[in-house]
Amino acid sequence: MTTSTRVAPDASTTEEANPASRKPALRPDRRKSRWGYDLIGLITFVIMAFPVYWLLVSAFRPNHEIRSYDQSLWPTSITFDNFVRATETRFFWTAIQSSLIICITSVLGAMIIGTIAAFAIGRFNFTGRKAFMMVLIVVQLLPPTAMLIPIYVQLNALGALNEYWGVIVVYLVSVLPFTTWMIRGFVINVPKELEESAMVDGCTRMGAFWRVILPLLAPGLAAASIFALITAWNEYLFAYILMQDNDKYTLNVWLMNFTTDRGTDYGGLMAGSVMIAIPVVIFFMIVQKKMATGLTSGAVKG
């Protein structure tokens, strides 16, 4: 009896037999170009991340070290007194309440109205549709300072100064155009056949939208909501001008309490800024996966 031994194929033979499995080697000029782009990206990242790092480091430094001329990249001593002093500053808790009321209401309103408007623009053909979309972009491009005086006069006539709903309306109108435009990209990316199939099975148009279309818009809603939240949470000018009572100021305006006639409390200011950034960071971490998917899948031509 003869026994046959199987010899494992050589790796080089396999690669020759299957040219698609081989990875093309980069040419020297392309390899240098890639390293150059990586270096530029790294330098850009360091430049953009350094202010955030310095903010975090300064929040844990004592005031005398912050004011010192001999600065180091890492604090020689760490203290939590800045955070304690920031939380004990007057109007801190009322500022949190004002920011939450204004921002949550503005974001929810923008999501509801923007989703309905985006569905109408993406699904129906009506007269002036393209002109309406261009108006949305033009409105978004207008600088807020150019509209400050007209908005102030209009809200004063309506009795909305120093009222939450006045600032909410301003924030809602500010984030609504881009929110609508962004969600529209996801609406037109959902096949119409899914909606038609649901309507054939007995759903109304609203039922098909609620049961079929809306779940598929989750990535778009996540991306649009983080944009709306960051815009509303970080806004300073309108909150400062339209609100007149200290107990109704938002957190960004509340930071002015650290600048007095006797100087600026940089430690408390940095600690307060860190605490203000935490809610946005947490929200971003929650929706980051859907947001990353949404920013790519919604970028379609339509």
Protein backbone atom coordinates (compact mmCIF):
# COMPACT_ATOMS: atom_id res chain seq x y z
CA MET A 1 0.00 0.00 0.00
CA THR A 2 1.34 3.36 -0.88
CA THR A 3 0.60 6.34 1.29
CA SER A 4 0.52 9.76 -0.25
CA THR A 5 1.54 12.78 1.70
CA ARG A 6 -0.06 16.10 0.96
CA VAL A 7 2.31 18.99 0.79
CA ALA A 8 0.99 22.35 1.95
CA PRO A 9 1.04 24.84 -0.88
CA ASP A 10 3.73 27.44 -0.70
CA ALA A 11 2.63 30.96 0.19
CA SER A 12 4.37 32.37 -2.84
CA THR A 13 2.61 29.84 -5.08
CA THR A 14 -0.75 30.77 -3.59
CA GLU A 15 -0.16 34.47 -4.14
CA GLU A 16 0.89 33.81 -7.73
CA ALA A 17 -2.24 31.73 -8.30
CA ASN A 18 -4.47 34.38 -6.78
CA PRO A 19 -3.17 37.83 -7.71
CA ALA A 20 -6.18 39.51 -6.04
CA SER A 21 -4.96 38.37 -2.60
CA ARG A 22 -1.75 40.32 -2.91
CA LYS A 23 -1.75 43.86 -1.56
CA PRO A 24 -0.14 46.33 -3.91
CA ALA A 25 2.96 47.88 -2.44
CA LEU A 26 2.97 51.63 -2.20
CA ARG A 27 5.42 53.47 -4.36
CA PRO A 28 8.09 55.45 -2.49
CA ASP A 29 6.59 58.79 -3.52
CA ARG A 30 3.12 57.73 -2.33
CA ARG A 31 4.54 56.38 0.91
CA LYS A 32 6.23 59.72 1.59
CA SER A 33 3.00 61.52 0.72
CA ARG A 34 1.04 59.36 3.17
CA TRP A 35 3.53 60.06 5.95
CA GLY A 36 3.29 63.75 5.16
CA TYR A 37 -0.51 63.70 5.44
CA ASP A 38 -0.29 61.76 8.70
CA LEU A 39 2.12 64.33 10.10
CA ILE A 40 -0.15 67.20 9.06
CA GLY A 41 -3.13 65.44 10.67
CA LEU A 42 -1.19 64.85 13.89
CA ILE A 43 -0.08 68.48 14.10
CA THR A 44 -3.65 69.66 13.44
CA PHE A 45 -4.96 67.35 16.17
CA VAL A 46 -2.42 68.64 18.71
CA ILE A 47 -3.23 72.27 17.88
CA MET A 48 -6.98 71.67 18.24
CA ALA A 49 -6.72 69.50 21.35
CA PHE A 50 -4.25 71.65 23.29
CA PRO A 51 -6.80 74.33 24.38
CA VAL A 52 -9.08 71.58 25.68
CA TYR A 53 -6.18 69.98 27.53
CA TRP A 54 -5.14 73.32 29.02
CA LEU A 55 -8.71 73.94 30.14
CA LEU A 56 -8.81 70.60 31.97
CA VAL A 57 -5.39 71.09 33.54
CA SER A 58 -6.19 74.63 34.68
CA ALA A 59 -9.45 73.46 36.27
CA PHE A 60 -7.43 71.33 38.72
CA ARG A 61 -4.70 73.89 39.42
CA PRO A 62 -4.65 76.28 42.36
CA ASN A 63 -5.17 79.92 41.47
CA HIS A 64 -1.65 80.96 42.44
CA GLU A 65 -0.24 78.39 40.03
CA ILE A 66 -2.54 79.55 37.22
CA ARG A 67 -1.38 83.15 37.68
CA SER A 68 2.27 82.17 37.92
CA TYR A 69 4.66 83.09 35.10
CA ASP A 70 6.36 79.68 35.39
CA GLN A 71 3.89 77.43 33.65
CA SER A 72 4.23 73.69 33.11
CA LEU A 73 2.26 71.24 31.02
CA TRP A 74 1.28 69.30 34.13
CA PRO A 75 0.16 70.86 37.44
CA THR A 76 2.53 70.45 40.36
CA SER A 77 -0.44 70.18 42.73
CA ILE A 78 -4.03 69.10 42.10
CA THR A 79 -7.01 70.64 43.88
CA PHE A 80 -10.80 70.35 43.66
CA ASP A 81 -11.39 73.72 45.30
CA ASN A 82 -12.14 75.29 41.92
CA PHE A 83 -15.09 72.96 41.38
CA VAL A 84 -16.36 73.50 44.91
CA ARG A 85 -16.11 77.26 44.49
CA ALA A 86 -17.87 77.08 41.15
CA THR A 87 -20.82 75.10 42.51
CA GLU A 88 -21.13 77.53 45.41
CA THR A 89 -21.24 80.55 43.11
CA ARG A 90 -24.61 82.27 43.14
CA PHE A 91 -27.18 81.36 40.50
CA PHE A 92 -25.35 78.14 39.59
CA TRP A 93 -28.33 75.84 40.09
CA THR A 94 -30.80 78.25 38.51
CA ALA A 95 -28.47 78.53 35.50
CA ILE A 96 -28.53 74.74 35.14
CA GLN A 97 -32.30 74.81 35.29
CA SER A 98 -32.53 77.55 32.66
CA SER A 99 -30.09 75.81 30.30
CA LEU A 100 -31.91 72.48 30.57
CA ILE A 101 -35.34 73.99 30.00
CA ILE A 102 -34.27 76.09 27.02
CA CYS A 103 -31.99 73.57 25.31
CA ILE A 104 -34.10 70.43 25.77
CA THR A 105 -37.24 72.19 24.57
CA SER A 106 -35.43 73.72 21.60
CA VAL A 107 -33.84 70.42 20.55
CA LEU A 108 -37.08 68.43 20.87
CA GLY A 109 -38.99 71.09 18.95
CA ALA A 110 -36.35 71.15 16.22
CA MET A 111 -36.42 67.35 15.93
CA ILE A 112 -40.21 67.18 15.66
CA ILE A 113 -40.71 70.08 13.27
CA GLY A 114 -37.54 69.34 11.30
CA THR A 115 -38.47 65.67 10.80
CA ILE A 116 -41.95 66.54 9.54
CA ALA A 117 -40.60 69.25 7.24
CA ALA A 118 -37.80 67.01 5.96
CA PHE A 119 -40.29 64.22 5.20
CA ALA A 120 -42.51 66.61 3.28
CA ILE A 121 -39.57 68.01 1.29
CA GLY A 122 -38.07 64.60 0.60
CA ARG A 123 -41.26 62.77 -0.36
CA PHE A 124 -43.58 65.29 -2.04
CA ASN A 125 -43.08 67.45 -5.11
CA PHE A 126 -44.73 70.82 -4.70
CA THR A 127 -44.36 74.25 -6.25
CA GLY A 128 -41.40 76.15 -4.84
CA ARG A 129 -39.75 73.07 -3.32
CA LYS A 130 -36.24 73.85 -4.55
CA ALA A 131 -36.64 77.53 -3.71
CA PHE A 132 -37.72 76.60 -0.19
CA MET A 133 -34.62 74.45 0.28
CA MET A 134 -32.40 77.29 -0.89
CA VAL A 135 -34.12 79.65 1.56
CA LEU A 136 -33.27 77.23 4.37
CA ILE A 137 -29.58 77.42 3.52
CA VAL A 138 -29.60 81.21 3.08
CA VAL A 139 -31.28 81.68 6.47
CA GLN A 140 -28.68 79.43 8.09
CA LEU A 141 -25.87 81.51 6.59
CA LEU A 142 -27.09 84.77 8.11
CA PRO A 143 -24.93 85.86 11.08
CA PRO A 144 -26.81 86.01 14.40
CA THR A 145 -25.53 89.51 15.17
CA ALA A 146 -27.23 90.84 12.03
CA MET A 147 -30.61 89.66 13.33
CA LEU A 148 -30.15 90.65 16.96
CA ILE A 149 -31.87 94.06 16.85
CA PRO A 150 -34.89 92.93 14.77
CA ILE A 151 -35.37 89.90 17.02
CA TYR A 152 -35.11 92.05 20.14
CA VAL A 153 -37.69 94.53 18.83
CA GLN A 154 -40.08 91.76 17.79
CA LEU A 155 -39.84 89.88 21.08
CA ASN A 156 -40.26 93.12 23.01
CA ALA A 157 -43.48 93.80 21.11
CA LEU A 158 -44.71 90.30 21.94
CA GLY A 159 -43.77 90.61 25.62
CA ALA A 160 -41.27 87.74 25.32
CA LEU A 161 -38.24 89.47 26.82
CA ASN A 162 -36.96 87.82 29.98
CA GLU A 163 -39.17 84.80 29.24
CA TYR A 164 -38.04 81.27 28.57
CA TRP A 165 -40.31 80.81 25.58
CA GLY A 166 -38.82 83.84 23.82
CA VAL A 167 -35.30 82.38 23.94
CA ILE A 168 -36.65 78.93 23.05
CA VAL A 169 -38.26 80.30 19.89
CA VAL A 170 -35.01 82.03 18.90
CA TYR A 171 -32.94 78.88 19.47
CA LEU A 172 -35.52 76.75 17.66
CA VAL A 173 -35.50 79.00 14.60
CA SER A 174 -31.69 79.08 14.67
CA VAL A 175 -31.18 75.31 14.50
CA LEU A 176 -34.26 74.36 12.47
CA PRO A 177 -33.01 75.14 8.90
CA PHE A 178 -29.87 73.02 9.07
CA THR A 179 -31.66 70.31 11.05
CA THR A 180 -34.33 70.05 8.36
CA TRP A 181 -31.74 69.97 5.59
CA MET A 182 -29.74 67.25 7.36
CA ILE A 183 -32.71 64.98 8.09
CA ARG A 184 -33.92 65.39 4.51
CA GLY A 185 -30.76 63.63 3.33
CA PHE A 186 -31.81 60.55 5.28
CA VAL A 187 -35.44 60.70 4.20
CA ILE A 188 -34.56 60.52 0.50
CA ASN A 189 -32.16 57.67 1.28
CA VAL A 190 -35.04 55.48 2.53
CA PRO A 191 -36.62 53.57 -0.40
CA LYS A 192 -40.17 54.58 -1.19
CA GLU A 193 -41.04 50.91 -1.69
CA LEU A 194 -40.86 50.30 2.06
CA GLU A 195 -43.46 52.97 2.70
CA GLU A 196 -45.65 51.74 -0.15
CA SER A 197 -45.47 48.16 1.11
CA ALA A 198 -46.60 49.26 4.56
CA MET A 199 -49.52 51.16 3.03
CA VAL A 200 -50.48 48.10 0.96
CA ASP A 201 -50.52 46.08 4.20
CA GLY A 202 -53.09 48.49 5.62
CA CYS A 203 -51.07 51.30 7.21
CA THR A 204 -52.02 54.88 6.63
CA ARG A 205 -49.32 57.28 5.43
CA MET A 206 -48.80 58.45 8.99
CA GLY A 207 -48.75 54.87 10.24
CA ALA A 208 -46.14 53.93 7.62
CA PHE A 209 -44.07 56.93 8.60
CA TRP A 210 -44.28 56.08 12.31
CA ARG A 211 -43.65 52.33 12.00
CA VAL A 212 -41.30 52.12 9.02
CA ILE A 213 -39.68 55.43 8.13
CA LEU A 214 -39.02 56.90 11.56
CA PRO A 215 -36.95 53.94 12.89
CA LEU A 216 -34.77 54.12 9.78
CA LEU A 217 -34.19 57.83 10.42
CA ALA A 218 -32.52 57.17 13.79
CA PRO A 219 -28.97 57.88 12.51
CA GLY A 220 -30.13 61.16 11.00
CA LEU A 221 -31.98 62.19 14.12
CA ALA A 222 -28.88 61.43 16.22
CA ALA A 223 -26.65 63.53 13.98
CA ALA A 224 -29.13 66.40 13.83
CA SER A 225 -29.80 66.32 17.58
CA ILE A 226 -26.13 66.61 18.51
CA PHE A 227 -25.78 69.58 16.16
CA ALA A 228 -28.88 71.25 17.63
CA LEU A 229 -27.78 70.58 21.21
CA ILE A 230 -24.26 71.95 20.71
CA THR A 231 -25.62 75.06 18.99
CA ALA A 232 -28.22 75.76 21.68
CA TRP A 233 -26.05 74.77 24.66
CA ASN A 234 -23.09 76.95 23.63
CA GLU A 235 -25.10 80.02 22.60
CA TYR A 236 -24.28 83.14 24.60
CA LEU A 237 -25.35 86.32 22.81
CA PHE A 238 -29.14 85.88 22.67
CA ALA A 239 -29.31 84.45 26.18
CA TYR A 240 -27.44 87.48 27.51
CA ILE A 241 -29.48 90.08 25.59
CA LEU A 242 -32.97 88.57 25.85
CA MET A 243 -32.77 87.55 29.50
CA GLN A 244 -32.64 90.27 32.14
CA ASP A 245 -32.89 88.47 35.49
CA ASN A 246 -29.80 86.80 36.91
CA ASP A 247 -31.82 83.78 38.00
CA LYS A 248 -32.86 83.13 34.38
CA TYR A 249 -29.43 83.30 32.78
CA THR A 250 -28.05 80.17 31.12
CA LEU A 251 -24.77 78.55 32.12
CA ASN A 252 -22.73 80.39 29.51
CA VAL A 253 -23.92 83.74 30.84
CA TRP A 254 -23.46 82.51 34.41
CA LEU A 255 -19.70 82.27 33.75
CA MET A 256 -19.57 86.08 33.93
CA ASN A 257 -19.82 85.76 37.72
CA PHE A 258 -16.13 84.80 37.80
CA THR A 259 -15.12 88.18 36.36
CA THR A 260 -15.55 90.97 38.91
CA ASP A 261 -14.07 94.37 39.69
CA ARG A 262 -11.41 92.67 41.79
CA GLY A 263 -10.22 90.48 38.91
CA THR A 264 -10.98 87.14 37.30
CA ASP A 265 -11.18 83.87 39.16
CA TYR A 266 -9.51 81.76 36.49
CA GLY A 267 -9.67 78.55 38.50
CA GLY A 268 -13.41 78.80 39.05
CA LEU A 269 -13.91 79.91 35.44
CA MET A 270 -12.06 76.88 34.11
CA ALA A 271 -13.87 74.51 36.46
CA GLY A 272 -17.23 75.98 35.48
CA SER A 273 -16.38 75.61 31.79
CA VAL A 274 -15.49 71.95 32.30
CA MET A 275 -18.78 71.28 34.08
CA ILE A 276 -20.68 73.01 31.27
CA ALA A 277 -18.98 70.81 28.65
CA ILE A 278 -19.72 67.53 30.44
CA PRO A 279 -23.44 67.17 29.42
CA VAL A 280 -22.63 67.68 25.73
CA VAL A 281 -19.77 65.16 25.91
CA ILE A 282 -22.02 62.59 27.60
CA PHE A 283 -24.76 63.09 25.02
CA PHE A 284 -22.24 62.79 22.21
CA MET A 285 -20.87 59.54 23.63
CA ILE A 286 -24.39 58.12 23.77
CA VAL A 287 -25.25 58.91 20.14
CA GLN A 288 -21.77 58.75 18.56
CA LYS A 289 -22.30 55.39 16.84
CA LYS A 290 -25.56 56.43 15.24
CA MET A 291 -24.09 59.83 14.46
CA ALA A 292 -21.08 58.35 12.64
CA THR A 293 -23.38 56.12 10.61
CA GLY A 294 -25.72 59.01 9.92
CA LEU A 295 -23.11 61.42 8.66
CA THR A 296 -22.09 58.94 5.94
CA SER A 297 -25.39 57.33 5.01
CA GLY A 298 -27.17 60.66 4.79
CA ALA A 299 -24.70 62.18 2.39
CA VAL A 300 -26.57 61.34 -0.79
CA LYS A 301 -27.52 63.44 -3.75
CA GLY A 302 -31.14 64.37 -3.98
